[in-house]
Amino acid sequence: MLAAVPDVVANQYGTTQVPLKATDRDGDRLAFYATDLPDGVTVDPVTGTVTLKPTVAGEQDVTVTVTDGAAHAGVTLHVTVRPHSAPVGVRVEAESYAAQHGWTAGGANFIEANPAASGGANVGWTAAGNWLDYAVDVPKAGTYDLELRVATGSGAPVPDALTFRDASGTTLATASVPNTGGWATYQSVHVPITLAEGDQVVRLYCETGGFNIDYFRLS
């Protein structure tokens, strides 16, 4: 028997552990497992502890099963992930934006399911003038490496495809998208970016279109 779990609240980019409690009337050894777990979720097969390291805010359900080798029981955890600024060093999924402009208002058709992308999704249908805002927390002012994971199936590179801007609209970095050979064939582009210290919003601005965005990372 697997005990029910109250709703779980976790912070984006944080770590939350949820212990599961299971009993077996015969005292048999139990094993825990799960399939189709959301990105950033793991289950300890011996203890049943669920570890959440979410990279995207919102709500998700996590279903875990326990077995004694013969019978099975399951429980579903409903998890609410509260948005939090991304610290330097973490992978920031393109779909974890705080605000966007240029795509269909209220629609999510530009967030495409893609098993080749980290987190299983990317932002597509890019066009000139579209933008995405992200909250980042920079520990110290200075120049950082900006890794941008992108793909294009257009058959040609996309020069000066993206800029990163601060809250005032000042351009901090410009990146081109190479000819990656397919919409799901991602490559990392690295450019330097100079950032102020503190919690702030950076804007990923599409200077043109014709590419997919998987994630970015500051390091």
N, C-alpha and C. Protein backbone atom coordinates (compact mmCIF):
# COMPACT_ATOMS: atom_id res chain seq x y z
N MET A 1 0.84 -1.18 0.00
CA MET A 1 0.00 0.00 0.00
C MET A 1 0.89 1.24 0.00
N LEU A 2 0.52 2.23 -0.80
CA LEU A 2 1.30 3.46 -0.95
C LEU A 2 0.45 4.62 -0.46
N ALA A 3 0.98 5.35 0.53
CA ALA A 3 0.21 6.44 1.15
C ALA A 3 0.07 7.62 0.20
N ALA A 4 -1.07 8.30 0.28
CA ALA A 4 -1.29 9.49 -0.53
C ALA A 4 -0.33 10.59 -0.10
N VAL A 5 -0.05 11.52 -1.02
CA VAL A 5 0.89 12.61 -0.77
C VAL A 5 0.17 13.94 -0.96
N PRO A 6 0.28 14.86 0.01
CA PRO A 6 -0.33 16.18 -0.19
C PRO A 6 0.30 16.89 -1.38
N ASP A 7 -0.41 17.88 -1.91
CA ASP A 7 0.14 18.66 -3.03
C ASP A 7 1.49 19.23 -2.65
N VAL A 8 2.40 19.24 -3.62
CA VAL A 8 3.78 19.66 -3.38
C VAL A 8 4.01 21.01 -4.05
N VAL A 9 4.70 21.91 -3.34
CA VAL A 9 5.12 23.19 -3.91
C VAL A 9 6.65 23.20 -3.95
N ALA A 10 7.21 23.48 -5.12
CA ALA A 10 8.66 23.48 -5.31
C ALA A 10 9.07 24.77 -6.00
N ASN A 11 10.33 25.18 -5.79
CA ASN A 11 10.86 26.36 -6.45
C ASN A 11 11.59 25.98 -7.74
N GLN A 12 11.35 26.72 -8.80
CA GLN A 12 12.08 26.55 -10.04
C GLN A 12 13.58 26.70 -9.77
N TYR A 13 14.38 25.78 -10.29
CA TYR A 13 15.84 25.71 -10.15
C TYR A 13 16.28 25.29 -8.74
N GLY A 14 15.34 25.03 -7.84
CA GLY A 14 15.69 24.54 -6.51
C GLY A 14 15.60 23.02 -6.47
N THR A 15 15.87 22.45 -5.28
CA THR A 15 15.78 21.00 -5.08
C THR A 15 14.79 20.72 -3.96
N THR A 16 13.80 19.90 -4.24
CA THR A 16 12.80 19.50 -3.26
C THR A 16 12.72 17.98 -3.24
N GLN A 17 12.75 17.40 -2.04
CA GLN A 17 12.64 15.95 -1.92
C GLN A 17 11.34 15.58 -1.20
N VAL A 18 10.66 14.58 -1.75
CA VAL A 18 9.39 14.12 -1.19
C VAL A 18 9.51 12.63 -0.88
N PRO A 19 9.53 12.24 0.41
CA PRO A 19 9.60 10.82 0.74
C PRO A 19 8.24 10.15 0.58
N LEU A 20 8.22 8.98 -0.01
CA LEU A 20 6.98 8.20 -0.13
C LEU A 20 6.97 7.11 0.94
N LYS A 21 5.77 6.80 1.40
CA LYS A 21 5.61 5.78 2.44
C LYS A 21 4.80 4.62 1.90
N ALA A 22 5.40 3.43 1.92
CA ALA A 22 4.72 2.23 1.42
C ALA A 22 4.86 1.12 2.45
N THR A 23 3.83 0.29 2.53
CA THR A 23 3.85 -0.86 3.44
C THR A 23 3.43 -2.11 2.68
N ASP A 24 3.92 -3.25 3.15
CA ASP A 24 3.55 -4.53 2.56
C ASP A 24 3.20 -5.47 3.70
N ARG A 25 2.00 -6.01 3.67
CA ARG A 25 1.53 -6.83 4.81
C ARG A 25 2.34 -8.10 5.01
N ASP A 26 3.03 -8.55 3.95
CA ASP A 26 3.86 -9.75 4.08
C ASP A 26 5.31 -9.41 4.41
N GLY A 27 5.62 -8.12 4.46
CA GLY A 27 6.99 -7.72 4.76
C GLY A 27 7.95 -7.93 3.61
N ASP A 28 7.43 -8.04 2.38
CA ASP A 28 8.31 -8.26 1.23
C ASP A 28 9.10 -6.99 0.92
N ARG A 29 10.24 -7.18 0.27
CA ARG A 29 11.04 -6.04 -0.16
C ARG A 29 10.29 -5.30 -1.28
N LEU A 30 10.28 -3.99 -1.19
CA LEU A 30 9.55 -3.17 -2.14
C LEU A 30 10.50 -2.43 -3.07
N ALA A 31 10.04 -2.19 -4.27
CA ALA A 31 10.81 -1.41 -5.24
C ALA A 31 9.90 -0.34 -5.84
N PHE A 32 10.46 0.86 -6.00
CA PHE A 32 9.71 1.99 -6.54
C PHE A 32 10.19 2.27 -7.97
N TYR A 33 9.27 2.66 -8.82
CA TYR A 33 9.66 3.03 -10.19
C TYR A 33 8.63 3.99 -10.78
N ALA A 34 9.03 4.64 -11.85
CA ALA A 34 8.15 5.57 -12.56
C ALA A 34 8.57 5.63 -14.02
N THR A 35 7.63 5.93 -14.87
CA THR A 35 7.91 6.11 -16.29
C THR A 35 7.40 7.47 -16.73
N ASP A 36 7.95 7.97 -17.81
CA ASP A 36 7.53 9.27 -18.37
C ASP A 36 7.62 10.38 -17.33
N LEU A 37 8.74 10.42 -16.61
CA LEU A 37 8.92 11.46 -15.61
C LEU A 37 9.18 12.81 -16.27
N PRO A 38 8.67 13.88 -15.69
CA PRO A 38 9.01 15.22 -16.19
C PRO A 38 10.51 15.47 -16.05
N ASP A 39 11.03 16.37 -16.86
CA ASP A 39 12.45 16.71 -16.80
C ASP A 39 12.81 17.21 -15.40
N GLY A 40 13.91 16.71 -14.84
CA GLY A 40 14.36 17.15 -13.53
C GLY A 40 13.78 16.38 -12.36
N VAL A 41 13.05 15.29 -12.63
CA VAL A 41 12.45 14.48 -11.57
C VAL A 41 13.07 13.09 -11.58
N THR A 42 13.49 12.62 -10.39
CA THR A 42 14.01 11.26 -10.26
C THR A 42 13.34 10.57 -9.08
N VAL A 43 13.36 9.25 -9.11
CA VAL A 43 12.77 8.44 -8.03
C VAL A 43 13.81 7.43 -7.57
N ASP A 44 14.08 7.41 -6.25
CA ASP A 44 15.00 6.42 -5.71
C ASP A 44 14.28 5.07 -5.67
N PRO A 45 14.79 4.04 -6.34
CA PRO A 45 14.07 2.77 -6.41
C PRO A 45 14.00 2.01 -5.09
N VAL A 46 14.88 2.35 -4.15
CA VAL A 46 14.91 1.64 -2.87
C VAL A 46 14.09 2.37 -1.81
N THR A 47 14.33 3.67 -1.66
CA THR A 47 13.66 4.43 -0.61
C THR A 47 12.33 5.04 -1.06
N GLY A 48 12.17 5.21 -2.38
CA GLY A 48 10.96 5.85 -2.88
C GLY A 48 10.99 7.36 -2.82
N THR A 49 12.11 7.95 -2.43
CA THR A 49 12.20 9.41 -2.36
C THR A 49 12.16 10.01 -3.77
N VAL A 50 11.25 10.96 -3.95
CA VAL A 50 11.14 11.67 -5.22
C VAL A 50 11.92 12.97 -5.11
N THR A 51 12.88 13.19 -6.00
CA THR A 51 13.69 14.40 -6.00
C THR A 51 13.28 15.27 -7.19
N LEU A 52 12.91 16.51 -6.88
CA LEU A 52 12.45 17.45 -7.89
C LEU A 52 13.49 18.54 -8.07
N LYS A 53 13.97 18.72 -9.30
CA LYS A 53 14.86 19.82 -9.66
C LYS A 53 14.29 20.48 -10.91
N PRO A 54 13.15 21.17 -10.76
CA PRO A 54 12.43 21.67 -11.94
C PRO A 54 13.11 22.87 -12.58
N THR A 55 13.07 22.91 -13.90
CA THR A 55 13.63 24.03 -14.65
C THR A 55 12.54 24.89 -15.28
N VAL A 56 11.30 24.42 -15.25
CA VAL A 56 10.19 25.16 -15.85
C VAL A 56 9.10 25.33 -14.80
N ALA A 57 8.61 26.56 -14.62
CA ALA A 57 7.54 26.83 -13.67
C ALA A 57 6.21 26.32 -14.21
N GLY A 58 5.25 26.13 -13.29
CA GLY A 58 3.93 25.66 -13.69
C GLY A 58 3.51 24.45 -12.86
N GLU A 59 2.56 23.70 -13.37
CA GLU A 59 2.04 22.53 -12.67
C GLU A 59 2.36 21.26 -13.43
N GLN A 60 2.63 20.21 -12.69
CA GLN A 60 2.92 18.91 -13.31
C GLN A 60 2.51 17.80 -12.36
N ASP A 61 2.23 16.64 -12.92
CA ASP A 61 1.88 15.46 -12.13
C ASP A 61 2.97 14.41 -12.28
N VAL A 62 3.32 13.80 -11.15
CA VAL A 62 4.35 12.76 -11.12
C VAL A 62 3.72 11.50 -10.55
N THR A 63 3.68 10.42 -11.32
CA THR A 63 3.09 9.16 -10.87
C THR A 63 4.19 8.15 -10.57
N VAL A 64 4.15 7.59 -9.37
CA VAL A 64 5.15 6.62 -8.91
C VAL A 64 4.43 5.32 -8.55
N THR A 65 5.04 4.21 -8.89
CA THR A 65 4.49 2.89 -8.59
C THR A 65 5.43 2.14 -7.67
N VAL A 66 4.86 1.37 -6.74
CA VAL A 66 5.64 0.49 -5.88
C VAL A 66 5.16 -0.94 -6.09
N THR A 67 6.10 -1.89 -6.03
CA THR A 67 5.75 -3.29 -6.23
C THR A 67 6.54 -4.19 -5.29
N ASP A 68 5.94 -5.30 -4.93
CA ASP A 68 6.66 -6.33 -4.18
C ASP A 68 7.04 -7.49 -5.08
N GLY A 69 6.88 -7.30 -6.38
CA GLY A 69 7.17 -8.35 -7.35
C GLY A 69 5.95 -9.04 -7.85
N ALA A 70 4.84 -8.85 -7.14
CA ALA A 70 3.58 -9.48 -7.56
C ALA A 70 2.49 -8.44 -7.72
N ALA A 71 2.21 -7.72 -6.63
CA ALA A 71 1.18 -6.69 -6.67
C ALA A 71 1.82 -5.31 -6.86
N HIS A 72 0.99 -4.36 -7.31
CA HIS A 72 1.46 -3.00 -7.56
C HIS A 72 0.49 -1.99 -6.94
N ALA A 73 1.03 -0.85 -6.56
CA ALA A 73 0.20 0.27 -6.11
C ALA A 73 0.85 1.55 -6.60
N GLY A 74 0.04 2.55 -6.85
CA GLY A 74 0.58 3.80 -7.38
C GLY A 74 0.05 5.01 -6.66
N VAL A 75 0.77 6.11 -6.79
CA VAL A 75 0.34 7.39 -6.23
C VAL A 75 0.78 8.49 -7.20
N THR A 76 -0.02 9.54 -7.29
CA THR A 76 0.31 10.68 -8.16
C THR A 76 0.52 11.92 -7.31
N LEU A 77 1.67 12.54 -7.49
CA LEU A 77 1.99 13.80 -6.81
C LEU A 77 1.63 14.95 -7.73
N HIS A 78 0.85 15.88 -7.21
CA HIS A 78 0.57 17.10 -7.98
C HIS A 78 1.56 18.16 -7.51
N VAL A 79 2.37 18.65 -8.43
CA VAL A 79 3.46 19.56 -8.09
C VAL A 79 3.21 20.93 -8.72
N THR A 80 3.29 21.97 -7.90
CA THR A 80 3.25 23.34 -8.39
C THR A 80 4.66 23.92 -8.27
N VAL A 81 5.22 24.34 -9.39
CA VAL A 81 6.58 24.89 -9.42
C VAL A 81 6.47 26.41 -9.49
N ARG A 82 6.95 27.07 -8.42
CA ARG A 82 6.91 28.53 -8.37
C ARG A 82 8.08 29.11 -9.17
N PRO A 83 7.81 30.16 -9.97
CA PRO A 83 8.90 30.75 -10.76
C PRO A 83 9.97 31.36 -9.88
N HIS A 84 11.22 31.25 -10.33
CA HIS A 84 12.36 31.78 -9.59
C HIS A 84 13.42 32.19 -10.60
N SER A 85 14.17 33.23 -10.28
CA SER A 85 15.23 33.67 -11.18
C SER A 85 16.28 32.57 -11.35
N ALA A 86 16.81 32.47 -12.55
CA ALA A 86 17.79 31.43 -12.85
C ALA A 86 19.17 31.85 -12.39
N PRO A 87 19.83 31.06 -11.55
CA PRO A 87 21.21 31.37 -11.17
C PRO A 87 22.16 31.07 -12.32
N VAL A 88 23.31 31.71 -12.29
CA VAL A 88 24.34 31.45 -13.30
C VAL A 88 24.75 29.97 -13.23
N GLY A 89 24.89 29.36 -14.38
CA GLY A 89 25.34 27.97 -14.44
C GLY A 89 24.24 26.98 -14.77
N VAL A 90 22.97 27.38 -14.59
CA VAL A 90 21.89 26.44 -14.87
C VAL A 90 21.44 26.57 -16.32
N ARG A 91 20.84 25.52 -16.82
CA ARG A 91 20.25 25.52 -18.15
C ARG A 91 18.87 26.17 -18.07
N VAL A 92 18.67 27.22 -18.85
CA VAL A 92 17.39 27.92 -18.85
C VAL A 92 16.62 27.50 -20.11
N GLU A 93 15.59 26.70 -19.93
CA GLU A 93 14.81 26.23 -21.07
C GLU A 93 14.12 27.40 -21.75
N ALA A 94 14.11 27.40 -23.07
CA ALA A 94 13.49 28.49 -23.82
C ALA A 94 12.02 28.64 -23.46
N GLU A 95 11.35 27.53 -23.16
CA GLU A 95 9.92 27.58 -22.86
C GLU A 95 9.62 28.07 -21.45
N SER A 96 10.65 28.35 -20.64
CA SER A 96 10.43 28.83 -19.27
C SER A 96 10.46 30.35 -19.19
N TYR A 97 10.05 31.02 -20.24
CA TYR A 97 10.06 32.48 -20.29
C TYR A 97 9.08 33.08 -19.27
N ALA A 98 9.37 34.31 -18.84
CA ALA A 98 8.47 35.04 -17.93
C ALA A 98 7.44 35.85 -18.70
N ALA A 99 7.79 36.30 -19.90
CA ALA A 99 6.88 37.05 -20.76
C ALA A 99 7.34 36.87 -22.20
N GLN A 100 6.41 37.06 -23.13
CA GLN A 100 6.75 36.93 -24.55
C GLN A 100 5.95 37.91 -25.37
N HIS A 101 6.46 38.19 -26.56
CA HIS A 101 5.75 39.07 -27.49
C HIS A 101 5.97 38.55 -28.91
N GLY A 102 4.92 38.60 -29.71
CA GLY A 102 5.05 38.26 -31.12
C GLY A 102 4.40 36.96 -31.52
N TRP A 103 4.23 36.04 -30.56
CA TRP A 103 3.54 34.80 -30.86
C TRP A 103 2.06 34.95 -30.51
N THR A 104 1.24 34.01 -30.88
CA THR A 104 -0.19 34.10 -30.65
C THR A 104 -0.49 34.33 -29.18
N ALA A 105 -1.24 35.39 -28.88
CA ALA A 105 -1.56 35.71 -27.49
C ALA A 105 -2.35 34.56 -26.87
N GLY A 106 -1.86 34.08 -25.74
CA GLY A 106 -2.53 33.00 -25.03
C GLY A 106 -2.31 31.63 -25.64
N GLY A 107 -1.60 31.55 -26.74
CA GLY A 107 -1.38 30.26 -27.38
C GLY A 107 -0.02 29.69 -27.06
N ALA A 108 0.12 28.39 -27.19
CA ALA A 108 1.40 27.74 -26.90
C ALA A 108 1.87 26.93 -28.10
N ASN A 109 1.34 27.24 -29.30
CA ASN A 109 1.70 26.46 -30.47
C ASN A 109 3.17 26.64 -30.85
N PHE A 110 3.79 27.72 -30.37
CA PHE A 110 5.20 27.93 -30.69
C PHE A 110 6.12 27.15 -29.78
N ILE A 111 5.57 26.56 -28.70
CA ILE A 111 6.34 25.64 -27.86
C ILE A 111 6.10 24.24 -28.42
N GLU A 112 7.13 23.72 -29.08
CA GLU A 112 6.99 22.48 -29.83
C GLU A 112 7.57 21.31 -29.04
N ALA A 113 6.80 20.24 -28.95
CA ALA A 113 7.33 19.00 -28.38
C ALA A 113 8.41 18.47 -29.30
N ASN A 114 9.57 18.20 -28.73
CA ASN A 114 10.69 17.74 -29.54
C ASN A 114 11.59 16.86 -28.67
N PRO A 115 11.57 15.56 -28.87
CA PRO A 115 12.36 14.67 -28.01
C PRO A 115 13.86 14.93 -28.08
N ALA A 116 14.32 15.59 -29.15
CA ALA A 116 15.76 15.88 -29.27
C ALA A 116 16.16 17.08 -28.43
N ALA A 117 15.20 17.85 -27.96
CA ALA A 117 15.49 19.05 -27.16
C ALA A 117 15.60 18.69 -25.69
N SER A 118 16.41 19.45 -24.95
CA SER A 118 16.46 19.24 -23.51
C SER A 118 15.10 19.64 -22.94
N GLY A 119 14.60 18.84 -22.02
CA GLY A 119 13.28 19.11 -21.48
C GLY A 119 12.16 18.66 -22.40
N GLY A 120 12.50 18.16 -23.60
CA GLY A 120 11.49 17.63 -24.50
C GLY A 120 10.72 18.66 -25.29
N ALA A 121 11.18 19.93 -25.28
CA ALA A 121 10.46 20.98 -26.01
C ALA A 121 11.41 22.08 -26.43
N ASN A 122 11.02 22.82 -27.48
CA ASN A 122 11.77 24.00 -27.87
C ASN A 122 10.80 25.11 -28.26
N VAL A 123 11.31 26.31 -28.42
CA VAL A 123 10.53 27.42 -28.96
C VAL A 123 10.81 27.51 -30.45
N GLY A 124 9.74 27.48 -31.25
CA GLY A 124 9.87 27.56 -32.69
C GLY A 124 9.03 28.68 -33.27
N TRP A 125 8.88 28.66 -34.58
CA TRP A 125 8.10 29.68 -35.29
C TRP A 125 8.60 31.08 -34.96
N THR A 126 9.92 31.21 -34.93
CA THR A 126 10.53 32.51 -34.65
C THR A 126 10.33 33.46 -35.83
N ALA A 127 10.24 34.75 -35.50
CA ALA A 127 10.06 35.78 -36.53
C ALA A 127 10.66 37.07 -36.02
N ALA A 128 11.08 37.93 -36.93
CA ALA A 128 11.69 39.20 -36.56
C ALA A 128 10.74 40.00 -35.67
N GLY A 129 11.27 40.49 -34.55
CA GLY A 129 10.50 41.29 -33.62
C GLY A 129 9.91 40.51 -32.47
N ASN A 130 9.93 39.19 -32.54
CA ASN A 130 9.48 38.38 -31.40
C ASN A 130 10.51 38.44 -30.28
N TRP A 131 10.04 38.37 -29.04
CA TRP A 131 11.00 38.33 -27.93
C TRP A 131 10.48 37.52 -26.77
N LEU A 132 11.41 37.07 -25.93
CA LEU A 132 11.14 36.28 -24.74
C LEU A 132 11.93 36.87 -23.58
N ASP A 133 11.29 37.06 -22.44
CA ASP A 133 11.96 37.59 -21.24
C ASP A 133 12.24 36.48 -20.24
N TYR A 134 13.40 36.57 -19.58
CA TYR A 134 13.81 35.60 -18.57
C TYR A 134 14.39 36.33 -17.37
N ALA A 135 14.10 35.84 -16.18
CA ALA A 135 14.68 36.39 -14.96
C ALA A 135 15.94 35.61 -14.61
N VAL A 136 17.05 36.33 -14.42
CA VAL A 136 18.31 35.70 -14.05
C VAL A 136 18.89 36.40 -12.83
N ASP A 137 19.65 35.68 -12.07
CA ASP A 137 20.28 36.22 -10.86
C ASP A 137 21.79 36.13 -11.03
N VAL A 138 22.42 37.28 -11.20
CA VAL A 138 23.86 37.34 -11.48
C VAL A 138 24.61 37.69 -10.20
N PRO A 139 25.53 36.84 -9.72
CA PRO A 139 26.17 37.06 -8.43
C PRO A 139 27.16 38.22 -8.43
N LYS A 140 27.73 38.53 -9.58
CA LYS A 140 28.77 39.55 -9.64
C LYS A 140 28.79 40.15 -11.05
N ALA A 141 28.88 41.48 -11.12
CA ALA A 141 28.95 42.14 -12.43
C ALA A 141 30.19 41.68 -13.18
N GLY A 142 30.06 41.49 -14.48
CA GLY A 142 31.21 41.07 -15.27
C GLY A 142 30.79 40.46 -16.59
N THR A 143 31.75 39.91 -17.29
CA THR A 143 31.51 39.29 -18.58
C THR A 143 31.39 37.77 -18.41
N TYR A 144 30.32 37.21 -18.95
CA TYR A 144 30.03 35.80 -18.83
C TYR A 144 29.99 35.16 -20.22
N ASP A 145 30.10 33.84 -20.24
CA ASP A 145 29.90 33.11 -21.48
C ASP A 145 28.42 32.79 -21.61
N LEU A 146 27.84 33.15 -22.74
CA LEU A 146 26.45 32.84 -23.04
C LEU A 146 26.41 31.70 -24.04
N GLU A 147 25.90 30.57 -23.60
CA GLU A 147 25.69 29.43 -24.50
C GLU A 147 24.23 29.45 -24.96
N LEU A 148 24.04 29.42 -26.25
CA LEU A 148 22.70 29.42 -26.83
C LEU A 148 22.56 28.16 -27.68
N ARG A 149 21.59 27.32 -27.35
CA ARG A 149 21.39 26.04 -28.05
C ARG A 149 20.29 26.23 -29.09
N VAL A 150 20.65 26.11 -30.36
CA VAL A 150 19.74 26.46 -31.45
C VAL A 150 19.79 25.42 -32.56
N ALA A 151 18.80 25.49 -33.46
CA ALA A 151 18.76 24.61 -34.63
C ALA A 151 18.04 25.33 -35.76
N THR A 152 18.38 24.95 -36.98
CA THR A 152 17.65 25.44 -38.14
C THR A 152 17.64 24.37 -39.23
N GLY A 153 16.51 24.29 -39.91
CA GLY A 153 16.40 23.37 -41.04
C GLY A 153 16.25 24.13 -42.33
N SER A 154 16.63 25.39 -42.32
CA SER A 154 16.47 26.23 -43.51
C SER A 154 17.50 25.94 -44.59
N GLY A 155 18.57 25.23 -44.23
CA GLY A 155 19.60 24.91 -45.21
C GLY A 155 20.68 25.95 -45.33
N ALA A 156 20.63 26.98 -44.48
CA ALA A 156 21.64 28.04 -44.53
C ALA A 156 21.78 28.64 -43.14
N PRO A 157 22.94 29.22 -42.83
CA PRO A 157 23.09 29.90 -41.54
C PRO A 157 22.20 31.14 -41.48
N VAL A 158 21.92 31.56 -40.25
CA VAL A 158 21.11 32.76 -40.03
C VAL A 158 22.00 33.78 -39.30
N PRO A 159 22.63 34.70 -40.01
CA PRO A 159 23.54 35.65 -39.35
C PRO A 159 22.81 36.65 -38.48
N ASP A 160 23.44 36.99 -37.35
CA ASP A 160 22.90 37.98 -36.42
C ASP A 160 21.43 37.73 -36.14
N ALA A 161 21.11 36.48 -35.84
CA ALA A 161 19.71 36.06 -35.68
C ALA A 161 19.08 36.55 -34.39
N LEU A 162 19.89 36.64 -33.32
CA LEU A 162 19.37 36.92 -31.98
C LEU A 162 20.21 37.96 -31.28
N THR A 163 19.56 38.78 -30.48
CA THR A 163 20.29 39.62 -29.54
C THR A 163 19.74 39.39 -28.14
N PHE A 164 20.61 39.55 -27.16
CA PHE A 164 20.18 39.59 -25.76
C PHE A 164 20.23 41.05 -25.31
N ARG A 165 19.15 41.50 -24.66
CA ARG A 165 19.04 42.89 -24.26
C ARG A 165 18.72 43.00 -22.77
N ASP A 166 19.05 44.15 -22.17
CA ASP A 166 18.68 44.36 -20.78
C ASP A 166 17.31 45.03 -20.72
N ALA A 167 16.87 45.37 -19.50
CA ALA A 167 15.52 45.91 -19.32
C ALA A 167 15.32 47.25 -20.02
N SER A 168 16.42 47.99 -20.26
CA SER A 168 16.31 49.28 -20.93
C SER A 168 16.33 49.15 -22.45
N GLY A 169 16.57 47.93 -22.95
CA GLY A 169 16.62 47.70 -24.39
C GLY A 169 18.01 47.72 -24.98
N THR A 170 19.02 47.92 -24.14
CA THR A 170 20.40 47.94 -24.62
C THR A 170 20.83 46.54 -25.03
N THR A 171 21.43 46.42 -26.21
CA THR A 171 21.91 45.13 -26.68
C THR A 171 23.18 44.73 -25.93
N LEU A 172 23.14 43.54 -25.34
CA LEU A 172 24.27 43.02 -24.56
C LEU A 172 25.10 42.01 -25.33
N ALA A 173 24.47 41.30 -26.26
CA ALA A 173 25.18 40.28 -27.04
C ALA A 173 24.39 39.98 -28.30
N THR A 174 25.11 39.58 -29.35
CA THR A 174 24.50 39.19 -30.62
C THR A 174 25.00 37.82 -31.00
N ALA A 175 24.10 36.96 -31.47
CA ALA A 175 24.48 35.60 -31.84
C ALA A 175 23.90 35.24 -33.20
N SER A 176 24.68 34.50 -33.97
CA SER A 176 24.23 33.96 -35.25
C SER A 176 23.90 32.48 -35.08
N VAL A 177 23.02 31.98 -35.92
CA VAL A 177 22.65 30.57 -35.89
C VAL A 177 23.32 29.87 -37.06
N PRO A 178 24.16 28.88 -36.82
CA PRO A 178 24.81 28.16 -37.93
C PRO A 178 23.82 27.24 -38.63
N ASN A 179 24.19 26.76 -39.79
CA ASN A 179 23.39 25.77 -40.49
C ASN A 179 23.58 24.43 -39.78
N THR A 180 22.61 24.08 -38.92
CA THR A 180 22.77 22.88 -38.08
C THR A 180 22.36 21.60 -38.81
N GLY A 181 21.64 21.75 -39.92
CA GLY A 181 21.28 20.57 -40.70
C GLY A 181 19.92 19.99 -40.38
N GLY A 182 19.12 20.66 -39.56
CA GLY A 182 17.78 20.14 -39.26
C GLY A 182 17.16 20.89 -38.10
N TRP A 183 15.82 20.89 -38.06
CA TRP A 183 15.10 21.61 -37.02
C TRP A 183 15.29 20.99 -35.64
N ALA A 184 15.69 19.74 -35.59
CA ALA A 184 15.93 19.06 -34.32
C ALA A 184 17.39 18.68 -34.14
N THR A 185 18.26 19.28 -34.96
CA THR A 185 19.70 19.05 -34.84
C THR A 185 20.32 20.30 -34.22
N TYR A 186 20.53 20.24 -32.91
CA TYR A 186 20.92 21.44 -32.17
C TYR A 186 22.44 21.59 -32.12
N GLN A 187 22.88 22.83 -32.11
CA GLN A 187 24.26 23.16 -31.87
C GLN A 187 24.32 24.30 -30.85
N SER A 188 25.42 24.35 -30.11
CA SER A 188 25.63 25.42 -29.14
C SER A 188 26.45 26.54 -29.76
N VAL A 189 25.97 27.75 -29.60
CA VAL A 189 26.69 28.95 -30.01
C VAL A 189 27.13 29.66 -28.74
N HIS A 190 28.39 30.10 -28.68
CA HIS A 190 28.92 30.78 -27.50
C HIS A 190 29.31 32.21 -27.86
N VAL A 191 28.82 33.16 -27.08
CA VAL A 191 29.19 34.57 -27.25
C VAL A 191 29.39 35.18 -25.86
N PRO A 192 30.26 36.18 -25.73
CA PRO A 192 30.42 36.85 -24.43
C PRO A 192 29.27 37.83 -24.18
N ILE A 193 28.91 37.98 -22.91
CA ILE A 193 27.86 38.91 -22.53
C ILE A 193 28.24 39.57 -21.21
N THR A 194 28.14 40.88 -21.14
CA THR A 194 28.47 41.63 -19.92
C THR A 194 27.18 41.98 -19.19
N LEU A 195 27.11 41.59 -17.92
CA LEU A 195 25.90 41.74 -17.12
C LEU A 195 26.18 42.49 -15.84
N ALA A 196 25.18 43.22 -15.37
CA ALA A 196 25.24 43.86 -14.06
C ALA A 196 24.99 42.83 -12.98
N GLU A 197 25.32 43.17 -11.75
CA GLU A 197 25.07 42.29 -10.62
C GLU A 197 23.60 42.33 -10.23
N GLY A 198 23.08 41.20 -9.77
CA GLY A 198 21.75 41.18 -9.16
C GLY A 198 20.69 40.47 -9.98
N ASP A 199 19.50 40.47 -9.40
CA ASP A 199 18.32 39.86 -10.01
C ASP A 199 17.83 40.78 -11.12
N GLN A 200 17.69 40.27 -12.32
CA GLN A 200 17.36 41.13 -13.46
C GLN A 200 16.67 40.33 -14.55
N VAL A 201 16.10 41.07 -15.51
CA VAL A 201 15.44 40.46 -16.65
C VAL A 201 16.30 40.67 -17.89
N VAL A 202 16.52 39.59 -18.63
CA VAL A 202 17.18 39.69 -19.93
C VAL A 202 16.17 39.30 -21.00
N ARG A 203 16.29 39.95 -22.13
CA ARG A 203 15.34 39.71 -23.23
C ARG A 203 16.07 39.06 -24.40
N LEU A 204 15.56 37.91 -24.81
CA LEU A 204 16.05 37.24 -26.00
C LEU A 204 15.20 37.77 -27.17
N TYR A 205 15.83 38.53 -28.04
CA TYR A 205 15.11 39.24 -29.11
C TYR A 205 15.46 38.63 -30.46
N CYS A 206 14.43 38.27 -31.21
CA CYS A 206 14.63 37.69 -32.54
C CYS A 206 14.82 38.82 -33.55
N GLU A 207 16.02 38.96 -34.05
CA GLU A 207 16.28 39.96 -35.09
C GLU A 207 15.74 39.48 -36.44
N THR A 208 15.62 38.17 -36.58
CA THR A 208 15.04 37.55 -37.77
C THR A 208 14.38 36.26 -37.32
N GLY A 209 14.00 35.41 -38.25
CA GLY A 209 13.36 34.15 -37.90
C GLY A 209 14.05 33.00 -38.60
N GLY A 210 13.39 31.81 -38.55
CA GLY A 210 13.93 30.65 -39.25
C GLY A 210 14.83 29.78 -38.41
N PHE A 211 14.58 29.69 -37.10
CA PHE A 211 15.39 28.85 -36.23
C PHE A 211 14.57 28.45 -35.01
N ASN A 212 15.01 27.39 -34.33
CA ASN A 212 14.42 26.92 -33.07
C ASN A 212 15.38 27.22 -31.93
N ILE A 213 14.82 27.47 -30.76
CA ILE A 213 15.62 27.76 -29.56
C ILE A 213 15.35 26.68 -28.53
N ASP A 214 16.40 26.00 -28.09
CA ASP A 214 16.27 24.94 -27.09
C ASP A 214 16.46 25.52 -25.68
N TYR A 215 17.63 26.13 -25.43
CA TYR A 215 17.90 26.70 -24.11
C TYR A 215 19.06 27.67 -24.21
N PHE A 216 19.30 28.40 -23.11
CA PHE A 216 20.54 29.16 -22.98
C PHE A 216 21.10 28.94 -21.59
N ARG A 217 22.40 29.23 -21.44
CA ARG A 217 23.08 29.05 -20.15
C ARG A 217 24.16 30.11 -20.02
N LEU A 218 24.23 30.71 -18.84
CA LEU A 218 25.30 31.66 -18.50
C LEU A 218 26.33 30.93 -17.64
N SER A 219 27.59 31.17 -17.94
CA SER A 219 28.63 30.55 -17.11
C SER A 219 29.88 31.44 -17.12
